[in-house]
């Protein structure tokens, strides 16, 4: 399952304090990014890690997108990201 694979990669890469992943692909069933209505194309990811301290929001998002590049090549279409580090909260 793609969600589990994404979670494993993010945990290994970022050692997050907080990580939650929600597959919301069903909301985009029939759209260009999910024409067959299958899961694993659209995810909401909440990721808080000390590794993001001192990095801009754009840098944080680039790190996540770069980390998940292989998934974009195999059907992942879109991410909705909430990123940061715990000292911000």
PDB file of N, CA and C in Angstrom:
ATOM      1  N   UNK A   1       0.853  -1.189   0.000  1.00  0.00           N
ATOM      2  CA  UNK A   1       0.000   0.000   0.000  1.00  0.00           C
ATOM      3  C   UNK A   1       0.887   1.237   0.000  1.00  0.00           C
ATOM      4  N   UNK A   2       0.606   2.164  -0.877  1.00  0.00           N
ATOM      5  CA  UNK A   2       1.439   3.349  -1.054  1.00  0.00           C
ATOM      6  C   UNK A   2       1.534   4.197   0.211  1.00  0.00           C
ATOM      7  N   UNK A   3       0.449   4.334   0.958  1.00  0.00           N
ATOM      8  CA  UNK A   3       0.478   5.140   2.182  1.00  0.00           C
ATOM      9  C   UNK A   3       1.521   4.595   3.152  1.00  0.00           C
ATOM     10  N   UNK A   4       1.544   3.284   3.341  1.00  0.00           N
ATOM     11  CA  UNK A   4       2.515   2.671   4.251  1.00  0.00           C
ATOM     12  C   UNK A   4       3.943   2.869   3.758  1.00  0.00           C
ATOM     13  N   UNK A   5       4.136   2.771   2.456  1.00  0.00           N
ATOM     14  CA  UNK A   5       5.465   2.967   1.880  1.00  0.00           C
ATOM     15  C   UNK A   5       5.925   4.409   2.066  1.00  0.00           C
ATOM     16  N   UNK A   6       5.029   5.356   1.845  1.00  0.00           N
ATOM     17  CA  UNK A   6       5.353   6.771   2.035  1.00  0.00           C
ATOM     18  C   UNK A   6       5.705   7.031   3.492  1.00  0.00           C
ATOM     19  N   UNK A   7       4.913   6.475   4.398  1.00  0.00           N
ATOM     20  CA  UNK A   7       5.181   6.661   5.826  1.00  0.00           C
ATOM     21  C   UNK A   7       6.557   6.115   6.199  1.00  0.00           C
ATOM     22  N   UNK A   8       6.896   4.954   5.693  1.00  0.00           N
ATOM     23  CA  UNK A   8       8.196   4.357   6.002  1.00  0.00           C
ATOM     24  C   UNK A   8       9.343   5.238   5.519  1.00  0.00           C
ATOM     25  N   UNK A   9       9.244   5.741   4.303  1.00  0.00           N
ATOM     26  CA  UNK A   9      10.294   6.596   3.747  1.00  0.00           C
ATOM     27  C   UNK A   9      10.414   7.892   4.545  1.00  0.00           C
ATOM     28  N   UNK A  10       9.291   8.508   4.889  1.00  0.00           N
ATOM     29  CA  UNK A  10       9.331   9.762   5.645  1.00  0.00           C
ATOM     30  C   UNK A  10       9.896   9.550   7.049  1.00  0.00           C
ATOM     31  N   UNK A  11       9.519   8.459   7.701  1.00  0.00           N
ATOM     32  CA  UNK A  11      10.054   8.174   9.041  1.00  0.00           C
ATOM     33  C   UNK A  11      11.563   7.941   8.999  1.00  0.00           C
ATOM     34  N   UNK A  12      12.018   7.184   8.023  1.00  0.00           N
ATOM     35  CA  UNK A  12      13.452   6.902   7.909  1.00  0.00           C
ATOM     36  C   UNK A  12      14.246   8.159   7.586  1.00  0.00           C
ATOM     37  N   UNK A  13      13.700   9.004   6.735  1.00  0.00           N
ATOM     38  CA  UNK A  13      14.421  10.190   6.272  1.00  0.00           C
ATOM     39  C   UNK A  13      14.417  11.321   7.290  1.00  0.00           C
ATOM     40  N   UNK A  14      13.260  11.597   7.893  1.00  0.00           N
ATOM     41  CA  UNK A  14      13.110  12.797   8.710  1.00  0.00           C
ATOM     42  C   UNK A  14      13.059  12.557  10.215  1.00  0.00           C
ATOM     43  N   UNK A  15      12.912  11.315  10.660  1.00  0.00           N
ATOM     44  CA  UNK A  15      12.808  11.016  12.102  1.00  0.00           C
ATOM     45  C   UNK A  15      11.840  11.999  12.770  1.00  0.00           C
ATOM     46  N   UNK A  16      10.597  12.043  12.318  1.00  0.00           N
ATOM     47  CA  UNK A  16       9.661  13.086  12.762  1.00  0.00           C
ATOM     48  C   UNK A  16       9.166  12.911  14.193  1.00  0.00           C
ATOM     49  N   UNK A  17       8.871  14.052  14.818  1.00  0.00           N
ATOM     50  CA  UNK A  17       8.168  14.062  16.103  1.00  0.00           C
ATOM     51  C   UNK A  17       6.685  13.800  15.865  1.00  0.00           C
ATOM     52  N   UNK A  18       6.167  14.328  14.770  1.00  0.00           N
ATOM     53  CA  UNK A  18       4.764  14.147  14.397  1.00  0.00           C
ATOM     54  C   UNK A  18       4.711  13.781  12.922  1.00  0.00           C
ATOM     55  N   UNK A  19       3.963  12.733  12.616  1.00  0.00           N
ATOM     56  CA  UNK A  19       3.722  12.363  11.225  1.00  0.00           C
ATOM     57  C   UNK A  19       2.325  11.774  11.112  1.00  0.00           C
ATOM     58  N   UNK A  20       1.507  12.382  10.289  1.00  0.00           N
ATOM     59  CA  UNK A  20       0.205  11.789   9.974  1.00  0.00           C
ATOM     60  C   UNK A  20       0.001  11.897   8.468  1.00  0.00           C
ATOM     61  N   UNK A  21      -0.583  10.853   7.915  1.00  0.00           N
ATOM     62  CA  UNK A  21      -0.808  10.780   6.476  1.00  0.00           C
ATOM     63  C   UNK A  21      -2.247  10.346   6.240  1.00  0.00           C
ATOM     64  N   UNK A  22      -2.952  11.113   5.425  1.00  0.00           N
ATOM     65  CA  UNK A  22      -4.336  10.794   5.083  1.00  0.00           C
ATOM     66  C   UNK A  22      -4.441  10.696   3.562  1.00  0.00           C
ATOM     67  N   UNK A  23      -4.962   9.584   3.081  1.00  0.00           N
ATOM     68  CA  UNK A  23      -5.198   9.394   1.654  1.00  0.00           C
ATOM     69  C   UNK A  23      -6.566   9.995   1.322  1.00  0.00           C
ATOM     70  N   UNK A  24      -6.566  11.062   0.552  1.00  0.00           N
ATOM     71  CA  UNK A  24      -7.840  11.684   0.164  1.00  0.00           C
ATOM     72  C   UNK A  24      -8.072  11.566  -1.345  1.00  0.00           C
ATOM     73  N   UNK A  25      -7.554  10.489  -1.911  1.00  0.00           N
ATOM     74  CA  UNK A  25      -7.674  10.245  -3.349  1.00  0.00           C
ATOM     75  C   UNK A  25      -9.120  10.143  -3.806  1.00  0.00           C
ATOM     76  N   UNK A  26      -9.985   9.593  -2.969  1.00  0.00           N
ATOM     77  CA  UNK A  26     -11.395   9.420  -3.350  1.00  0.00           C
ATOM     78  C   UNK A  26     -12.061  10.744  -3.708  1.00  0.00           C
ATOM     79  N   UNK A  27     -11.602  11.836  -3.078  1.00  0.00           N
ATOM     80  CA  UNK A  27     -12.173  13.153  -3.370  1.00  0.00           C
ATOM     81  C   UNK A  27     -11.865  13.595  -4.799  1.00  0.00           C
ATOM     82  N   UNK A  28     -10.889  12.940  -5.435  1.00  0.00           N
ATOM     83  CA  UNK A  28     -10.458  13.317  -6.781  1.00  0.00           C
ATOM     84  C   UNK A  28     -10.715  12.210  -7.793  1.00  0.00           C
ATOM     85  N   UNK A  29     -11.585  11.300  -7.467  1.00  0.00           N
ATOM     86  CA  UNK A  29     -11.932  10.204  -8.363  1.00  0.00           C
ATOM     87  C   UNK A  29     -12.469  10.751  -9.682  1.00  0.00           C
ATOM     88  N   UNK A  30     -11.898  10.279 -10.776  1.00  0.00           N
ATOM     89  CA  UNK A  30     -12.322  10.723 -12.097  1.00  0.00           C
ATOM     90  C   UNK A  30     -11.607  11.958 -12.602  1.00  0.00           C
ATOM     91  N   UNK A  31     -10.835  12.631 -11.766  1.00  0.00           N
ATOM     92  CA  UNK A  31     -10.082  13.813 -12.185  1.00  0.00           C
ATOM     93  C   UNK A  31      -8.808  13.376 -12.900  1.00  0.00           C
ATOM     94  N   UNK A  32      -8.110  14.321 -13.478  1.00  0.00           N
ATOM     95  CA  UNK A  32      -6.906  14.021 -14.257  1.00  0.00           C
ATOM     96  C   UNK A  32      -5.867  13.249 -13.449  1.00  0.00           C
ATOM     97  N   UNK A  33      -5.700  13.574 -12.186  1.00  0.00           N
ATOM     98  CA  UNK A  33      -4.696  12.900 -11.369  1.00  0.00           C
ATOM     99  C   UNK A  33      -5.137  11.557 -10.827  1.00  0.00           C
ATOM    100  N   UNK A  34      -6.421  11.239 -10.991  1.00  0.00           N
ATOM    101  CA  UNK A  34      -6.961   9.982 -10.466  1.00  0.00           C
ATOM    102  C   UNK A  34      -8.122   9.519 -11.359  1.00  0.00           C
ATOM    103  N   UNK A  35      -7.857   9.303 -12.653  1.00  0.00           N
ATOM    104  CA  UNK A  35      -8.946   9.005 -13.584  1.00  0.00           C
ATOM    105  C   UNK A  35      -9.671   7.696 -13.307  1.00  0.00           C
ATOM    106  N   UNK A  36      -8.983   6.736 -12.734  1.00  0.00           N
ATOM    107  CA  UNK A  36      -9.592   5.429 -12.483  1.00  0.00           C
ATOM    108  C   UNK A  36     -10.231   5.338 -11.102  1.00  0.00           C
ATOM    109  N   UNK A  37     -10.088   6.377 -10.305  1.00  0.00           N
ATOM    110  CA  UNK A  37     -10.677   6.380  -8.973  1.00  0.00           C
ATOM    111  C   UNK A  37      -9.956   5.492  -7.978  1.00  0.00           C
ATOM    112  N   UNK A  38      -8.711   5.180  -8.280  1.00  0.00           N
ATOM    113  CA  UNK A  38      -7.947   4.330  -7.364  1.00  0.00           C
ATOM    114  C   UNK A  38      -7.332   5.175  -6.255  1.00  0.00           C
ATOM    115  N   UNK A  39      -6.930   4.550  -5.178  1.00  0.00           N
ATOM    116  CA  UNK A  39      -6.292   5.258  -4.074  1.00  0.00           C
ATOM    117  C   UNK A  39      -4.815   5.467  -4.340  1.00  0.00           C
ATOM    118  N   UNK A  40      -4.190   6.207  -3.434  1.00  0.00           N
ATOM    119  CA  UNK A  40      -2.751   6.397  -3.504  1.00  0.00           C
ATOM    120  C   UNK A  40      -2.280   7.484  -4.434  1.00  0.00           C
ATOM    121  N   UNK A  41      -3.169   8.412  -4.787  1.00  0.00           N
ATOM    122  CA  UNK A  41      -2.762   9.488  -5.689  1.00  0.00           C
ATOM    123  C   UNK A  41      -2.695  10.851  -5.010  1.00  0.00           C
ATOM    124  N   UNK A  42      -3.466  11.052  -3.949  1.00  0.00           N
ATOM    125  CA  UNK A  42      -3.535  12.340  -3.251  1.00  0.00           C
ATOM    126  C   UNK A  42      -3.421  12.105  -1.742  1.00  0.00           C
ATOM    127  N   UNK A  43      -2.483  12.819  -1.094  1.00  0.00           N
ATOM    128  CA  UNK A  43      -2.272  12.638   0.341  1.00  0.00           C
ATOM    129  C   UNK A  43      -2.151  13.975   1.059  1.00  0.00           C
ATOM    130  N   UNK A  44      -2.694  14.016   2.271  1.00  0.00           N
ATOM    131  CA  UNK A  44      -2.437  15.118   3.210  1.00  0.00           C
ATOM    132  C   UNK A  44      -1.382  14.599   4.180  1.00  0.00           C
ATOM    133  N   UNK A  45      -0.291  15.337   4.297  1.00  0.00           N
ATOM    134  CA  UNK A  45       0.805  14.911   5.164  1.00  0.00           C
ATOM    135  C   UNK A  45       1.110  16.016   6.163  1.00  0.00           C
ATOM    136  N   UNK A  46       1.109  15.656   7.419  1.00  0.00           N
ATOM    137  CA  UNK A  46       1.505  16.557   8.507  1.00  0.00           C
ATOM    138  C   UNK A  46       2.823  16.015   9.048  1.00  0.00           C
ATOM    139  N   UNK A  47       3.896  16.802   8.925  1.00  0.00           N
ATOM    140  CA  UNK A  47       5.243  16.332   9.252  1.00  0.00           C
ATOM    141  C   UNK A  47       5.995  17.404  10.035  1.00  0.00           C
ATOM    142  N   UNK A  48       6.304  17.081  11.278  1.00  0.00           N
ATOM    143  CA  UNK A  48       7.079  17.984  12.136  1.00  0.00           C
ATOM    144  C   UNK A  48       8.346  17.262  12.557  1.00  0.00           C
ATOM    145  N   UNK A  49       9.487  17.878  12.271  1.00  0.00           N
ATOM    146  CA  UNK A  49      10.775  17.273  12.567  1.00  0.00           C
ATOM    147  C   UNK A  49      11.791  18.354  12.926  1.00  0.00           C
ATOM    148  N   UNK A  50      12.712  18.048  13.828  1.00  0.00           N
ATOM    149  CA  UNK A  50      13.769  19.007  14.151  1.00  0.00           C
ATOM    150  C   UNK A  50      14.632  19.355  12.935  1.00  0.00           C
ATOM    151  N   UNK A  51      14.643  18.504  11.927  1.00  0.00           N
ATOM    152  CA  UNK A  51      15.446  18.759  10.728  1.00  0.00           C
ATOM    153  C   UNK A  51      14.962  19.975   9.943  1.00  0.00           C
ATOM    154  N   UNK A  52      13.745  20.437  10.215  1.00  0.00           N
ATOM    155  CA  UNK A  52      13.207  21.598   9.515  1.00  0.00           C
ATOM    156  C   UNK A  52      13.552  22.921  10.204  1.00  0.00           C
ATOM    157  N   UNK A  53      14.136  22.859  11.378  1.00  0.00           N
ATOM    158  CA  UNK A  53      14.476  24.091  12.097  1.00  0.00           C
ATOM    159  C   UNK A  53      15.457  24.911  11.261  1.00  0.00           C
ATOM    160  N   UNK A  54      15.145  26.190  11.102  1.00  0.00           N
ATOM    161  CA  UNK A  54      15.996  27.095  10.338  1.00  0.00           C
ATOM    162  C   UNK A  54      15.744  27.068   8.838  1.00  0.00           C
ATOM    163  N   UNK A  55      14.817  26.229   8.396  1.00  0.00           N
ATOM    164  CA  UNK A  55      14.512  26.139   6.974  1.00  0.00           C
ATOM    165  C   UNK A  55      13.185  26.852   6.688  1.00  0.00           C
ATOM    166  N   UNK A  56      13.128  27.499   5.549  1.00  0.00           N
ATOM    167  CA  UNK A  56      11.883  28.159   5.143  1.00  0.00           C
ATOM    168  C   UNK A  56      10.839  27.097   4.804  1.00  0.00           C
ATOM    169  N   UNK A  57       9.591  27.520   4.742  1.00  0.00           N
ATOM    170  CA  UNK A  57       8.510  26.608   4.379  1.00  0.00           C
ATOM    171  C   UNK A  57       8.763  26.006   2.991  1.00  0.00           C
ATOM    172  N   UNK A  58       9.234  26.821   2.067  1.00  0.00           N
ATOM    173  CA  UNK A  58       9.542  26.334   0.723  1.00  0.00           C
ATOM    174  C   UNK A  58      10.634  25.262   0.773  1.00  0.00           C
ATOM    175  N   UNK A  59      11.681  25.493   1.554  1.00  0.00           N
ATOM    176  CA  UNK A  59      12.747  24.494   1.691  1.00  0.00           C
ATOM    177  C   UNK A  59      12.221  23.200   2.299  1.00  0.00           C
ATOM    178  N   UNK A  60      11.357  23.313   3.307  1.00  0.00           N
ATOM    179  CA  UNK A  60      10.771  22.129   3.937  1.00  0.00           C
ATOM    180  C   UNK A  60       9.976  21.319   2.921  1.00  0.00           C
ATOM    181  N   UNK A  61       9.154  21.997   2.146  1.00  0.00           N
ATOM    182  CA  UNK A  61       8.318  21.309   1.166  1.00  0.00           C
ATOM    183  C   UNK A  61       9.168  20.681   0.066  1.00  0.00           C
ATOM    184  N   UNK A  62      10.214  21.373  -0.359  1.00  0.00           N
ATOM    185  CA  UNK A  62      11.115  20.800  -1.369  1.00  0.00           C
ATOM    186  C   UNK A  62      11.763  19.523  -0.861  1.00  0.00           C
ATOM    187  N   UNK A  63      12.163  19.519   0.404  1.00  0.00           N
ATOM    188  CA  UNK A  63      12.770  18.315   0.981  1.00  0.00           C
ATOM    189  C   UNK A  63      11.797  17.139   0.947  1.00  0.00           C
ATOM    190  N   UNK A  64      10.541  17.396   1.280  1.00  0.00           N
ATOM    191  CA  UNK A  64       9.534  16.324   1.269  1.00  0.00           C
ATOM    192  C   UNK A  64       9.290  15.848  -0.160  1.00  0.00           C
ATOM    193  N   UNK A  65       9.087  16.772  -1.086  1.00  0.00           N
ATOM    194  CA  UNK A  65       8.847  16.388  -2.484  1.00  0.00           C
ATOM    195  C   UNK A  65      10.030  15.606  -3.047  1.00  0.00           C
ATOM    196  N   UNK A  66      11.246  16.053  -2.766  1.00  0.00           N
ATOM    197  CA  UNK A  66      12.433  15.337  -3.252  1.00  0.00           C
ATOM    198  C   UNK A  66      12.504  13.934  -2.667  1.00  0.00           C
ATOM    199  N   UNK A  67      12.161  13.800  -1.404  1.00  0.00           N
ATOM    200  CA  UNK A  67      12.178  12.511  -0.724  1.00  0.00           C
ATOM    201  C   UNK A  67      11.177  11.538  -1.351  1.00  0.00           C
ATOM    202  N   UNK A  68      10.070  12.054  -1.845  1.00  0.00           N
ATOM    203  CA  UNK A  68       8.999  11.206  -2.374  1.00  0.00           C
ATOM    204  C   UNK A  68       8.972  11.151  -3.901  1.00  0.00           C
ATOM    205  N   UNK A  69      10.041  11.598  -4.543  1.00  0.00           N
ATOM    206  CA  UNK A  69      10.082  11.668  -6.003  1.00  0.00           C
ATOM    207  C   UNK A  69       9.736  10.338  -6.673  1.00  0.00           C
ATOM    208  N   UNK A  70      10.225   9.235  -6.140  1.00  0.00           N
ATOM    209  CA  UNK A  70       9.951   7.926  -6.752  1.00  0.00           C
ATOM    210  C   UNK A  70       8.449   7.624  -6.785  1.00  0.00           C
ATOM    211  N   UNK A  71       7.708   8.116  -5.794  1.00  0.00           N
ATOM    212  CA  UNK A  71       6.268   7.868  -5.749  1.00  0.00           C
ATOM    213  C   UNK A  71       5.524   8.675  -6.814  1.00  0.00           C
ATOM    214  N   UNK A  72       6.039   9.867  -7.129  1.00  0.00           N
ATOM    215  CA  UNK A  72       5.427  10.666  -8.188  1.00  0.00           C
ATOM    216  C   UNK A  72       5.588   9.978  -9.542  1.00  0.00           C
ATOM    217  N   UNK A  73       6.624   9.190  -9.682  1.00  0.00           N
ATOM    218  CA  UNK A  73       6.854   8.468 -10.934  1.00  0.00           C
ATOM    219  C   UNK A  73       5.975   7.226 -11.055  1.00  0.00           C
ATOM    220  N   UNK A  74       5.331   6.840  -9.943  1.00  0.00           N
ATOM    221  CA  UNK A  74       4.511   5.624  -9.964  1.00  0.00           C
ATOM    222  C   UNK A  74       3.060   5.886  -9.557  1.00  0.00           C
ATOM    223  N   UNK A  75       2.563   7.104  -9.791  1.00  0.00           N
ATOM    224  CA  UNK A  75       1.140   7.352  -9.601  1.00  0.00           C
ATOM    225  C   UNK A  75       0.746   8.410  -8.588  1.00  0.00           C
ATOM    226  N   UNK A  76       1.646   8.792  -7.684  1.00  0.00           N
ATOM    227  CA  UNK A  76       1.329   9.874  -6.752  1.00  0.00           C
ATOM    228  C   UNK A  76       1.142  11.151  -7.562  1.00  0.00           C
ATOM    229  N   UNK A  77       0.061  11.877  -7.287  1.00  0.00           N
ATOM    230  CA  UNK A  77      -0.257  13.055  -8.090  1.00  0.00           C
ATOM    231  C   UNK A  77      -0.142  14.358  -7.301  1.00  0.00           C
ATOM    232  N   UNK A  78      -0.550  14.360  -6.021  1.00  0.00           N
ATOM    233  CA  UNK A  78      -0.593  15.619  -5.279  1.00  0.00           C
ATOM    234  C   UNK A  78      -0.397  15.400  -3.786  1.00  0.00           C
ATOM    235  N   UNK A  79       0.245  16.390  -3.165  1.00  0.00           N
ATOM    236  CA  UNK A  79       0.421  16.407  -1.713  1.00  0.00           C
ATOM    237  C   UNK A  79      -0.134  17.712  -1.164  1.00  0.00           C
ATOM    238  N   UNK A  80      -0.782  17.622  -0.030  1.00  0.00           N
ATOM    239  CA  UNK A  80      -1.167  18.788   0.766  1.00  0.00           C
ATOM    240  C   UNK A  80      -0.298  18.689   2.016  1.00  0.00           C
ATOM    241  N   UNK A  81       0.656  19.608   2.158  1.00  0.00           N
ATOM    242  CA  UNK A  81       1.643  19.501   3.231  1.00  0.00           C
ATOM    243  C   UNK A  81       1.419  20.518   4.337  1.00  0.00           C
ATOM    244  N   UNK A  82       1.602  20.048   5.565  1.00  0.00           N
ATOM    245  CA  UNK A  82       1.745  20.904   6.738  1.00  0.00           C
ATOM    246  C   UNK A  82       3.058  20.470   7.371  1.00  0.00           C
ATOM    247  N   UNK A  83       4.047  21.360   7.369  1.00  0.00           N
ATOM    248  CA  UNK A  83       5.372  21.001   7.875  1.00  0.00           C
ATOM    249  C   UNK A  83       5.868  22.033   8.873  1.00  0.00           C
ATOM    250  N   UNK A  84       6.842  21.634   9.659  1.00  0.00           N
ATOM    251  CA  UNK A  84       7.459  22.531  10.621  1.00  0.00           C
ATOM    252  C   UNK A  84       8.237  21.744  11.651  1.00  0.00           C
ATOM    253  N   UNK A  85       8.536  22.408  12.761  1.00  0.00           N
ATOM    254  CA  UNK A  85       9.192  21.739  13.886  1.00  0.00           C
ATOM    255  C   UNK A  85       8.448  22.134  15.150  1.00  0.00           C
ATOM    256  N   UNK A  86       8.524  21.298  16.168  1.00  0.00           N
ATOM    257  CA  UNK A  86       7.663  21.444  17.345  1.00  0.00           C
ATOM    258  C   UNK A  86       7.830  22.755  18.092  1.00  0.00           C
ATOM    259  N   UNK A  87       8.993  23.342  18.087  1.00  0.00           N
ATOM    260  CA  UNK A  87       9.190  24.606  18.799  1.00  0.00           C
ATOM    261  C   UNK A  87       8.302  25.707  18.239  1.00  0.00           C
ATOM    262  N   UNK A  88       7.802  25.536  17.002  1.00  0.00           N
ATOM    263  CA  UNK A  88       6.917  26.528  16.385  1.00  0.00           C
ATOM    264  C   UNK A  88       5.522  26.487  16.998  1.00  0.00           C
ATOM    265  N   UNK A  89       5.108  25.343  17.496  1.00  0.00           N
ATOM    266  CA  UNK A  89       3.731  25.169  17.982  1.00  0.00           C
ATOM    267  C   UNK A  89       3.550  25.717  19.366  1.00  0.00           C
TER     268      UNK A  89
END
